[in-house]
N, C-alpha and C. Protein backbone atom coordinates (compact mmCIF):
# COMPACT_ATOMS: atom_id res chain seq x y z
N MET A 1 237.02 69.44 150.58
CA MET A 1 236.86 68.07 150.10
C MET A 1 236.12 67.26 151.16
N THR A 2 235.18 66.48 150.72
CA THR A 2 234.42 65.66 151.65
C THR A 2 234.97 64.24 151.65
N ASN A 3 234.34 63.39 152.43
CA ASN A 3 234.72 61.98 152.45
C ASN A 3 233.88 61.16 151.48
N GLN A 4 233.11 61.84 150.63
CA GLN A 4 232.23 61.11 149.72
C GLN A 4 233.01 60.23 148.76
N ASN A 5 232.35 59.20 148.29
CA ASN A 5 232.95 58.34 147.28
C ASN A 5 232.82 59.00 145.91
N ILE A 6 233.73 58.67 145.04
CA ILE A 6 233.69 59.14 143.66
C ILE A 6 233.53 57.91 142.80
N ILE A 7 232.46 57.90 142.01
CA ILE A 7 232.15 56.73 141.21
C ILE A 7 232.32 57.09 139.74
N LEU A 8 233.07 56.27 139.02
CA LEU A 8 233.29 56.48 137.60
C LEU A 8 232.57 55.41 136.80
N THR A 9 231.76 55.86 135.87
CA THR A 9 231.06 54.95 134.98
C THR A 9 231.35 55.38 133.55
N GLY A 10 230.84 54.62 132.63
CA GLY A 10 231.03 54.92 131.22
C GLY A 10 231.39 53.67 130.45
N PHE A 11 231.45 53.82 129.16
CA PHE A 11 231.72 52.70 128.28
C PHE A 11 233.17 52.25 128.43
N MET A 12 233.46 51.03 128.02
CA MET A 12 234.84 50.54 128.04
C MET A 12 235.73 51.47 127.24
N GLY A 13 236.97 51.63 127.70
CA GLY A 13 237.92 52.44 126.97
C GLY A 13 237.79 53.94 127.17
N THR A 14 236.95 54.36 128.10
CA THR A 14 236.80 55.80 128.33
C THR A 14 237.73 56.31 129.42
N GLY A 15 238.44 55.40 130.09
CA GLY A 15 239.45 55.81 131.06
C GLY A 15 239.10 55.61 132.51
N LYS A 16 238.08 54.83 132.79
CA LYS A 16 237.64 54.66 134.19
C LYS A 16 238.75 54.14 135.10
N THR A 17 239.47 53.14 134.66
CA THR A 17 240.51 52.56 135.51
C THR A 17 241.73 53.47 135.59
N THR A 18 242.18 53.95 134.46
CA THR A 18 243.36 54.82 134.44
C THR A 18 243.12 56.08 135.26
N VAL A 19 242.01 56.75 134.99
CA VAL A 19 241.66 57.97 135.72
C VAL A 19 241.39 57.64 137.18
N GLY A 20 240.70 56.56 137.43
CA GLY A 20 240.35 56.18 138.80
C GLY A 20 241.57 55.97 139.69
N LYS A 21 242.56 55.24 139.17
CA LYS A 21 243.78 55.00 139.96
C LYS A 21 244.51 56.30 140.24
N LEU A 22 244.64 57.13 139.22
CA LEU A 22 245.34 58.40 139.37
C LEU A 22 244.60 59.32 140.34
N LEU A 23 243.29 59.38 140.20
CA LEU A 23 242.46 60.23 141.07
C LEU A 23 242.56 59.78 142.52
N ALA A 24 242.48 58.48 142.74
CA ALA A 24 242.59 57.95 144.11
C ALA A 24 243.94 58.33 144.72
N ASN A 25 244.97 58.23 143.93
CA ASN A 25 246.30 58.60 144.40
C ASN A 25 246.37 60.09 144.74
N MET A 26 245.82 60.92 143.88
CA MET A 26 245.84 62.37 144.09
C MET A 26 245.08 62.78 145.35
N LEU A 27 243.96 62.09 145.60
CA LEU A 27 243.09 62.44 146.74
C LEU A 27 243.41 61.66 148.00
N GLU A 28 244.32 60.70 147.88
CA GLU A 28 244.62 59.77 148.98
C GLU A 28 243.38 58.99 149.39
N TYR A 29 242.66 58.54 148.39
CA TYR A 29 241.51 57.66 148.54
C TYR A 29 241.96 56.25 148.15
N LYS A 30 241.10 55.29 148.41
CA LYS A 30 241.35 53.92 147.97
C LYS A 30 240.67 53.71 146.62
N PHE A 31 241.36 53.06 145.68
CA PHE A 31 240.79 52.75 144.38
C PHE A 31 240.22 51.34 144.40
N VAL A 32 239.00 51.19 143.89
CA VAL A 32 238.42 49.85 143.72
C VAL A 32 237.79 49.74 142.33
N ASP A 33 237.94 48.59 141.74
CA ASP A 33 237.36 48.29 140.44
C ASP A 33 236.34 47.17 140.66
N THR A 34 235.08 47.45 140.39
CA THR A 34 234.03 46.48 140.71
C THR A 34 234.20 45.16 139.96
N ASP A 35 234.59 45.23 138.70
CA ASP A 35 234.80 43.98 137.96
C ASP A 35 235.94 43.16 138.56
N GLU A 36 237.02 43.84 138.96
CA GLU A 36 238.15 43.14 139.57
C GLU A 36 237.74 42.46 140.88
N ILE A 37 236.94 43.14 141.69
CA ILE A 37 236.48 42.55 142.96
C ILE A 37 235.63 41.31 142.69
N ILE A 38 234.70 41.43 141.75
CA ILE A 38 233.82 40.30 141.42
C ILE A 38 234.64 39.12 140.89
N MET A 39 235.61 39.39 140.03
CA MET A 39 236.44 38.29 139.49
C MET A 39 237.28 37.66 140.59
N SER A 40 237.81 38.47 141.46
CA SER A 40 238.64 37.96 142.55
C SER A 40 237.83 37.08 143.50
N ARG A 41 236.63 37.51 143.81
CA ARG A 41 235.79 36.74 144.74
C ARG A 41 235.24 35.48 144.12
N SER A 42 234.92 35.51 142.84
CA SER A 42 234.31 34.35 142.20
C SER A 42 235.36 33.40 141.60
N LEU A 43 236.61 33.88 141.53
CA LEU A 43 237.71 33.13 140.91
C LEU A 43 237.41 32.78 139.45
N MET A 44 236.69 33.71 138.78
CA MET A 44 236.35 33.55 137.37
C MET A 44 236.45 34.90 136.68
N THR A 45 236.67 34.88 135.37
CA THR A 45 236.59 36.11 134.60
C THR A 45 235.11 36.48 134.44
N ILE A 46 234.87 37.70 134.01
CA ILE A 46 233.48 38.11 133.77
C ILE A 46 232.86 37.21 132.71
N SER A 47 233.61 36.92 131.66
CA SER A 47 233.09 36.03 130.60
C SER A 47 232.71 34.66 131.16
N GLU A 48 233.56 34.11 132.04
CA GLU A 48 233.26 32.80 132.64
C GLU A 48 232.02 32.86 133.53
N ILE A 49 231.86 33.96 134.25
CA ILE A 49 230.66 34.11 135.09
C ILE A 49 229.42 34.12 134.20
N PHE A 50 229.47 34.90 133.11
CA PHE A 50 228.32 34.97 132.19
C PHE A 50 228.01 33.58 131.62
N LYS A 51 229.06 32.84 131.24
CA LYS A 51 228.86 31.52 130.63
C LYS A 51 228.34 30.50 131.63
N SER A 52 228.92 30.47 132.84
CA SER A 52 228.57 29.40 133.78
C SER A 52 227.37 29.74 134.68
N ARG A 53 227.23 31.00 135.04
CA ARG A 53 226.15 31.38 135.96
C ARG A 53 225.07 32.24 135.33
N GLY A 54 225.41 32.88 134.22
CA GLY A 54 224.45 33.73 133.52
C GLY A 54 224.57 35.19 133.93
N GLU A 55 224.01 36.04 133.07
CA GLU A 55 224.09 37.48 133.32
C GLU A 55 223.34 37.88 134.58
N ALA A 56 222.21 37.25 134.85
CA ALA A 56 221.42 37.61 136.04
C ALA A 56 222.24 37.43 137.32
N ALA A 57 223.00 36.35 137.39
CA ALA A 57 223.84 36.11 138.57
C ALA A 57 224.92 37.18 138.68
N PHE A 58 225.51 37.55 137.54
CA PHE A 58 226.54 38.59 137.56
C PHE A 58 225.94 39.92 138.02
N ARG A 59 224.77 40.26 137.50
CA ARG A 59 224.12 41.53 137.89
C ARG A 59 223.76 41.54 139.38
N GLN A 60 223.42 40.37 139.92
CA GLN A 60 223.15 40.28 141.36
C GLN A 60 224.44 40.51 142.16
N MET A 61 225.55 39.98 141.67
CA MET A 61 226.84 40.23 142.33
C MET A 61 227.14 41.73 142.35
N GLU A 62 226.84 42.40 141.23
CA GLU A 62 227.05 43.85 141.15
C GLU A 62 226.19 44.58 142.18
N ARG A 63 224.94 44.17 142.31
CA ARG A 63 224.03 44.83 143.28
C ARG A 63 224.55 44.66 144.71
N GLU A 64 224.96 43.46 145.04
CA GLU A 64 225.47 43.21 146.40
C GLU A 64 226.74 44.03 146.65
N LEU A 65 227.59 44.13 145.65
CA LEU A 65 228.82 44.89 145.79
C LEU A 65 228.52 46.39 145.91
N ALA A 66 227.57 46.89 145.15
CA ALA A 66 227.19 48.31 145.25
C ALA A 66 226.76 48.63 146.67
N LEU A 67 225.95 47.78 147.26
CA LEU A 67 225.49 48.00 148.63
C LEU A 67 226.67 47.98 149.61
N GLU A 68 227.56 47.03 149.44
CA GLU A 68 228.74 46.93 150.30
C GLU A 68 229.62 48.18 150.19
N LEU A 69 229.89 48.62 148.97
CA LEU A 69 230.77 49.78 148.77
C LEU A 69 230.13 51.07 149.24
N SER A 70 228.81 51.13 149.21
CA SER A 70 228.12 52.36 149.63
C SER A 70 228.28 52.62 151.13
N LYS A 71 228.69 51.62 151.85
CA LYS A 71 228.86 51.76 153.31
C LYS A 71 230.29 52.17 153.68
N GLN A 72 231.13 52.35 152.69
CA GLN A 72 232.51 52.78 152.92
C GLN A 72 232.66 54.22 152.41
N ASN A 73 233.75 54.87 152.81
CA ASN A 73 233.96 56.21 152.30
C ASN A 73 235.39 56.36 151.78
N ARG A 74 235.62 57.50 151.13
CA ARG A 74 236.93 57.82 150.56
C ARG A 74 237.38 56.75 149.56
N LEU A 75 236.43 56.36 148.71
CA LEU A 75 236.74 55.40 147.65
C LEU A 75 236.60 56.09 146.30
N VAL A 76 237.47 55.71 145.37
CA VAL A 76 237.23 55.99 143.96
C VAL A 76 236.85 54.64 143.37
N ILE A 77 235.64 54.56 142.88
CA ILE A 77 235.09 53.29 142.40
C ILE A 77 234.97 53.32 140.88
N SER A 78 235.67 52.41 140.22
CA SER A 78 235.53 52.24 138.79
C SER A 78 234.54 51.10 138.58
N THR A 79 233.42 51.41 137.94
CA THR A 79 232.40 50.39 137.75
C THR A 79 232.54 49.73 136.39
N GLY A 80 232.06 48.51 136.32
CA GLY A 80 231.95 47.87 135.02
C GLY A 80 231.01 48.69 134.16
N GLY A 81 231.19 48.65 132.84
CA GLY A 81 230.43 49.50 131.92
C GLY A 81 228.93 49.39 132.03
N GLY A 82 228.42 48.26 132.51
CA GLY A 82 226.97 48.10 132.61
C GLY A 82 226.41 48.23 134.02
N MET A 83 227.27 48.37 135.01
CA MET A 83 226.81 48.35 136.41
C MET A 83 225.80 49.45 136.72
N LEU A 84 226.05 50.65 136.25
CA LEU A 84 225.15 51.75 136.60
C LEU A 84 224.04 51.96 135.59
N LEU A 85 223.94 51.03 134.63
CA LEU A 85 222.75 51.02 133.79
C LEU A 85 221.55 50.61 134.63
N ASP A 86 221.83 49.92 135.74
CA ASP A 86 220.83 49.54 136.73
C ASP A 86 220.68 50.71 137.71
N SER A 87 219.54 51.38 137.67
CA SER A 87 219.34 52.58 138.50
C SER A 87 219.42 52.26 139.99
N TYR A 88 219.13 51.02 140.38
CA TYR A 88 219.26 50.62 141.79
C TYR A 88 220.70 50.81 142.25
N ASN A 89 221.65 50.33 141.45
CA ASN A 89 223.06 50.46 141.81
C ASN A 89 223.47 51.92 141.91
N ALA A 90 223.00 52.73 140.96
CA ALA A 90 223.34 54.16 140.98
C ALA A 90 222.79 54.82 142.25
N GLU A 91 221.54 54.54 142.58
CA GLU A 91 220.92 55.14 143.77
C GLU A 91 221.65 54.71 145.05
N ILE A 92 222.02 53.46 145.12
CA ILE A 92 222.76 52.95 146.28
C ILE A 92 224.08 53.69 146.42
N LEU A 93 224.84 53.77 145.33
CA LEU A 93 226.17 54.38 145.40
C LEU A 93 226.10 55.90 145.62
N GLU A 94 225.03 56.53 145.17
CA GLU A 94 224.86 57.97 145.40
C GLU A 94 224.32 58.27 146.80
N GLY A 95 223.85 57.22 147.50
CA GLY A 95 223.27 57.43 148.82
C GLY A 95 221.83 57.90 148.76
N LYS A 96 221.12 57.57 147.68
CA LYS A 96 219.74 58.03 147.48
C LYS A 96 218.72 56.92 147.71
N ASN A 97 219.15 55.78 148.23
CA ASN A 97 218.28 54.64 148.44
C ASN A 97 218.20 54.37 149.93
N GLU A 98 217.05 53.93 150.39
CA GLU A 98 216.88 53.69 151.83
C GLU A 98 217.84 52.64 152.37
N GLN A 99 218.37 51.77 151.51
CA GLN A 99 219.33 50.76 151.96
C GLN A 99 220.75 51.31 152.02
N SER A 100 220.96 52.50 151.44
CA SER A 100 222.30 53.10 151.40
C SER A 100 222.71 53.56 152.79
N SER A 101 223.99 53.74 152.93
CA SER A 101 224.48 54.38 154.15
C SER A 101 224.31 55.88 153.97
N GLU A 102 224.72 56.64 154.96
CA GLU A 102 224.61 58.09 154.87
C GLU A 102 225.73 58.70 154.05
N ILE A 103 226.68 57.91 153.63
CA ILE A 103 227.79 58.41 152.83
C ILE A 103 227.28 58.63 151.41
N LYS A 104 227.43 59.82 150.94
CA LYS A 104 226.99 60.14 149.58
C LYS A 104 228.13 59.89 148.60
N GLY A 105 227.76 59.53 147.41
CA GLY A 105 228.74 59.36 146.36
C GLY A 105 228.38 60.26 145.19
N LYS A 106 229.38 60.66 144.44
CA LYS A 106 229.16 61.49 143.25
C LYS A 106 229.59 60.67 142.03
N ILE A 107 228.69 60.56 141.07
CA ILE A 107 228.94 59.74 139.89
C ILE A 107 229.31 60.61 138.70
N PHE A 108 230.41 60.22 138.06
CA PHE A 108 230.87 60.88 136.84
C PHE A 108 230.86 59.86 135.72
N SER A 109 230.30 60.24 134.59
CA SER A 109 230.27 59.37 133.42
C SER A 109 231.33 59.84 132.44
N LEU A 110 232.34 59.01 132.23
CA LEU A 110 233.40 59.32 131.29
C LEU A 110 232.97 58.87 129.90
N PHE A 111 233.26 59.70 128.91
CA PHE A 111 232.94 59.29 127.54
C PHE A 111 234.05 59.74 126.60
N ALA A 112 234.09 59.10 125.45
CA ALA A 112 235.06 59.42 124.41
C ALA A 112 234.41 59.11 123.07
N ASP A 113 234.97 59.66 122.01
CA ASP A 113 234.37 59.35 120.72
C ASP A 113 234.72 57.90 120.31
N VAL A 114 233.98 57.41 119.36
CA VAL A 114 234.07 55.99 118.97
C VAL A 114 235.49 55.62 118.52
N ASP A 115 236.11 56.47 117.71
CA ASP A 115 237.46 56.15 117.23
C ASP A 115 238.46 56.08 118.37
N GLU A 116 238.33 56.99 119.32
CA GLU A 116 239.22 56.99 120.49
C GLU A 116 239.03 55.71 121.31
N ILE A 117 237.78 55.33 121.53
CA ILE A 117 237.49 54.10 122.27
C ILE A 117 238.11 52.90 121.56
N LEU A 118 237.90 52.82 120.26
CA LEU A 118 238.42 51.69 119.48
C LEU A 118 239.94 51.64 119.56
N THR A 119 240.59 52.78 119.46
CA THR A 119 242.06 52.84 119.58
C THR A 119 242.52 52.35 120.95
N ARG A 120 241.86 52.84 121.99
CA ARG A 120 242.26 52.48 123.35
C ARG A 120 242.06 50.99 123.63
N VAL A 121 240.89 50.45 123.29
CA VAL A 121 240.64 49.04 123.61
C VAL A 121 241.46 48.11 122.72
N SER A 122 241.75 48.55 121.50
CA SER A 122 242.57 47.73 120.60
C SER A 122 244.01 47.65 121.08
N SER A 123 244.49 48.70 121.73
CA SER A 123 245.88 48.72 122.18
C SER A 123 246.07 48.11 123.56
N ASP A 124 244.97 47.75 124.22
CA ASP A 124 245.05 47.16 125.56
C ASP A 124 244.77 45.67 125.48
N SER A 125 245.82 44.87 125.44
CA SER A 125 245.64 43.42 125.31
C SER A 125 245.49 42.74 126.67
N THR A 126 245.53 43.52 127.75
CA THR A 126 245.45 42.93 129.09
C THR A 126 244.03 42.63 129.52
N ILE A 127 243.04 43.19 128.82
CA ILE A 127 241.64 43.02 129.21
C ILE A 127 240.89 42.33 128.10
N GLU A 128 240.16 41.29 128.47
CA GLU A 128 239.31 40.58 127.51
C GLU A 128 238.05 41.41 127.28
N ARG A 129 237.71 41.64 126.04
CA ARG A 129 236.54 42.45 125.67
C ARG A 129 235.58 41.59 124.84
N PRO A 130 234.81 40.73 125.51
CA PRO A 130 233.95 39.82 124.75
C PRO A 130 232.92 40.53 123.88
N LEU A 131 232.48 41.72 124.30
CA LEU A 131 231.49 42.44 123.50
C LEU A 131 232.05 42.89 122.15
N LEU A 132 233.38 42.95 122.04
CA LEU A 132 233.98 43.44 120.80
C LEU A 132 234.59 42.33 119.95
N LYS A 133 234.31 41.08 120.30
CA LYS A 133 234.79 39.96 119.49
C LYS A 133 233.80 39.73 118.35
N VAL A 134 233.73 40.71 117.46
CA VAL A 134 232.81 40.70 116.32
C VAL A 134 233.57 41.15 115.08
N ASP A 135 232.96 40.97 113.91
CA ASP A 135 233.61 41.35 112.65
C ASP A 135 233.86 42.86 112.55
N ASN A 136 232.92 43.66 113.07
CA ASN A 136 233.04 45.11 112.95
C ASN A 136 232.93 45.76 114.34
N PRO A 137 234.02 45.81 115.11
CA PRO A 137 233.95 46.35 116.47
C PRO A 137 233.52 47.82 116.52
N LYS A 138 233.90 48.61 115.51
CA LYS A 138 233.50 50.04 115.52
C LYS A 138 231.98 50.16 115.45
N GLU A 139 231.37 49.36 114.59
CA GLU A 139 229.91 49.37 114.47
C GLU A 139 229.27 48.92 115.80
N ARG A 140 229.86 47.92 116.42
CA ARG A 140 229.34 47.41 117.69
C ARG A 140 229.45 48.48 118.79
N ILE A 141 230.58 49.17 118.85
CA ILE A 141 230.75 50.24 119.84
C ILE A 141 229.70 51.33 119.62
N THR A 142 229.52 51.73 118.37
CA THR A 142 228.54 52.77 118.04
C THR A 142 227.15 52.38 118.51
N ARG A 143 226.77 51.14 118.23
CA ARG A 143 225.43 50.66 118.61
C ARG A 143 225.27 50.59 120.12
N LEU A 144 226.27 50.05 120.81
CA LEU A 144 226.19 49.94 122.28
C LEU A 144 226.17 51.32 122.94
N LEU A 145 226.95 52.25 122.42
CA LEU A 145 226.93 53.61 122.97
C LEU A 145 225.55 54.23 122.82
N GLN A 146 224.93 54.01 121.68
CA GLN A 146 223.58 54.55 121.45
C GLN A 146 222.57 53.92 122.41
N GLU A 147 222.68 52.60 122.62
CA GLU A 147 221.78 51.91 123.54
C GLU A 147 221.93 52.42 124.97
N ARG A 148 223.15 52.77 125.37
CA ARG A 148 223.43 53.15 126.76
C ARG A 148 223.43 54.66 127.00
N LYS A 149 223.28 55.41 125.92
CA LYS A 149 223.39 56.88 125.97
C LYS A 149 222.54 57.50 127.08
N GLU A 150 221.28 57.17 127.10
CA GLU A 150 220.36 57.77 128.08
C GLU A 150 220.79 57.44 129.52
N SER A 151 221.21 56.22 129.75
CA SER A 151 221.63 55.82 131.09
C SER A 151 222.90 56.56 131.52
N TYR A 152 223.89 56.64 130.63
CA TYR A 152 225.14 57.32 130.97
C TYR A 152 224.91 58.82 131.17
N GLU A 153 223.98 59.40 130.42
CA GLU A 153 223.76 60.84 130.49
C GLU A 153 223.03 61.30 131.75
N ARG A 154 222.61 60.38 132.59
CA ARG A 154 221.99 60.76 133.87
C ARG A 154 223.02 61.35 134.83
N PHE A 155 224.30 61.13 134.53
CA PHE A 155 225.38 61.52 135.44
C PHE A 155 226.19 62.67 134.85
N ILE A 156 227.04 63.26 135.66
CA ILE A 156 227.91 64.34 135.21
C ILE A 156 228.82 63.79 134.12
N GLN A 157 228.82 64.46 132.98
CA GLN A 157 229.56 63.99 131.80
C GLN A 157 230.96 64.59 131.74
N ILE A 158 231.95 63.74 131.47
CA ILE A 158 233.32 64.21 131.29
C ILE A 158 233.89 63.56 130.03
N ASN A 159 234.21 64.39 129.05
CA ASN A 159 234.76 63.91 127.79
C ASN A 159 236.26 63.66 127.98
N THR A 160 236.70 62.44 127.67
CA THR A 160 238.11 62.09 127.83
C THR A 160 238.84 61.99 126.48
N THR A 161 238.15 62.32 125.39
CA THR A 161 238.76 62.25 124.07
C THR A 161 239.93 63.24 123.97
N ASN A 162 241.10 62.72 123.63
CA ASN A 162 242.30 63.55 123.45
C ASN A 162 242.65 64.39 124.67
N ILE A 163 242.29 63.93 125.86
CA ILE A 163 242.60 64.64 127.10
C ILE A 163 243.39 63.69 127.99
N THR A 164 244.44 64.17 128.61
CA THR A 164 245.25 63.30 129.46
C THR A 164 244.48 62.93 130.72
N PRO A 165 244.80 61.77 131.28
CA PRO A 165 244.15 61.37 132.54
C PRO A 165 244.35 62.41 133.65
N GLU A 166 245.51 63.06 133.67
CA GLU A 166 245.77 64.08 134.70
C GLU A 166 244.79 65.24 134.59
N VAL A 167 244.51 65.67 133.37
CA VAL A 167 243.56 66.77 133.17
C VAL A 167 242.15 66.33 133.56
N VAL A 168 241.79 65.10 133.20
CA VAL A 168 240.47 64.58 133.58
C VAL A 168 240.33 64.58 135.10
N CYS A 169 241.38 64.16 135.81
CA CYS A 169 241.34 64.16 137.28
C CYS A 169 241.15 65.57 137.83
N LYS A 170 241.85 66.53 137.25
CA LYS A 170 241.71 67.93 137.71
C LYS A 170 240.30 68.44 137.50
N VAL A 171 239.69 68.08 136.38
CA VAL A 171 238.31 68.47 136.11
C VAL A 171 237.38 67.90 137.18
N ILE A 172 237.57 66.62 137.50
CA ILE A 172 236.73 65.96 138.51
C ILE A 172 236.94 66.63 139.87
N ILE A 173 238.18 66.86 140.24
CA ILE A 173 238.48 67.48 141.55
C ILE A 173 237.84 68.86 141.64
N ASN A 174 237.90 69.64 140.56
CA ASN A 174 237.27 70.96 140.56
C ASN A 174 235.76 70.87 140.73
N MET A 175 235.16 69.80 140.24
CA MET A 175 233.72 69.62 140.37
C MET A 175 233.31 69.17 141.77
N LEU A 176 234.27 68.67 142.53
CA LEU A 176 233.98 68.22 143.89
C LEU A 176 233.94 69.37 144.87
N ASP A 177 234.72 70.40 144.62
CA ASP A 177 234.82 71.53 145.56
C ASP A 177 233.55 72.37 145.59
């Protein structure tokens, strides 16, 4: 096992936070959630940041945070669903950018089928999901997954549909060795 960071990306409801916390515990790494850090520092929800400062400001916060986290090691990083759609952030976190530190990170893209995602996000009332505040959330999930498919597929794919978080963690750990 190396000291590299493990970065989890993927659409909402694919298990990034649940798997990330469990994985960090198993590996004795520190867990960080990029959206949580941004909200804590700005004292606003993601929705409030988008409304008051705009998406460009939020994306800049993500870029600055990616650079900051790339200089640390032994992290399991759960990214917001759109953070690694920006190839700059992915390159920084993987250690492939001249601004990165020498610490390499490995990115895993978690995915699940649409019905599983809808079930998971519908049962989690603790997180505000502004993208799904529409008449037909299943249709919206399907469309967003299609739009992001190419970006998510640049990374190692792990299907979390009907698989326990513990099994997903074991799969990731086996891929690290």
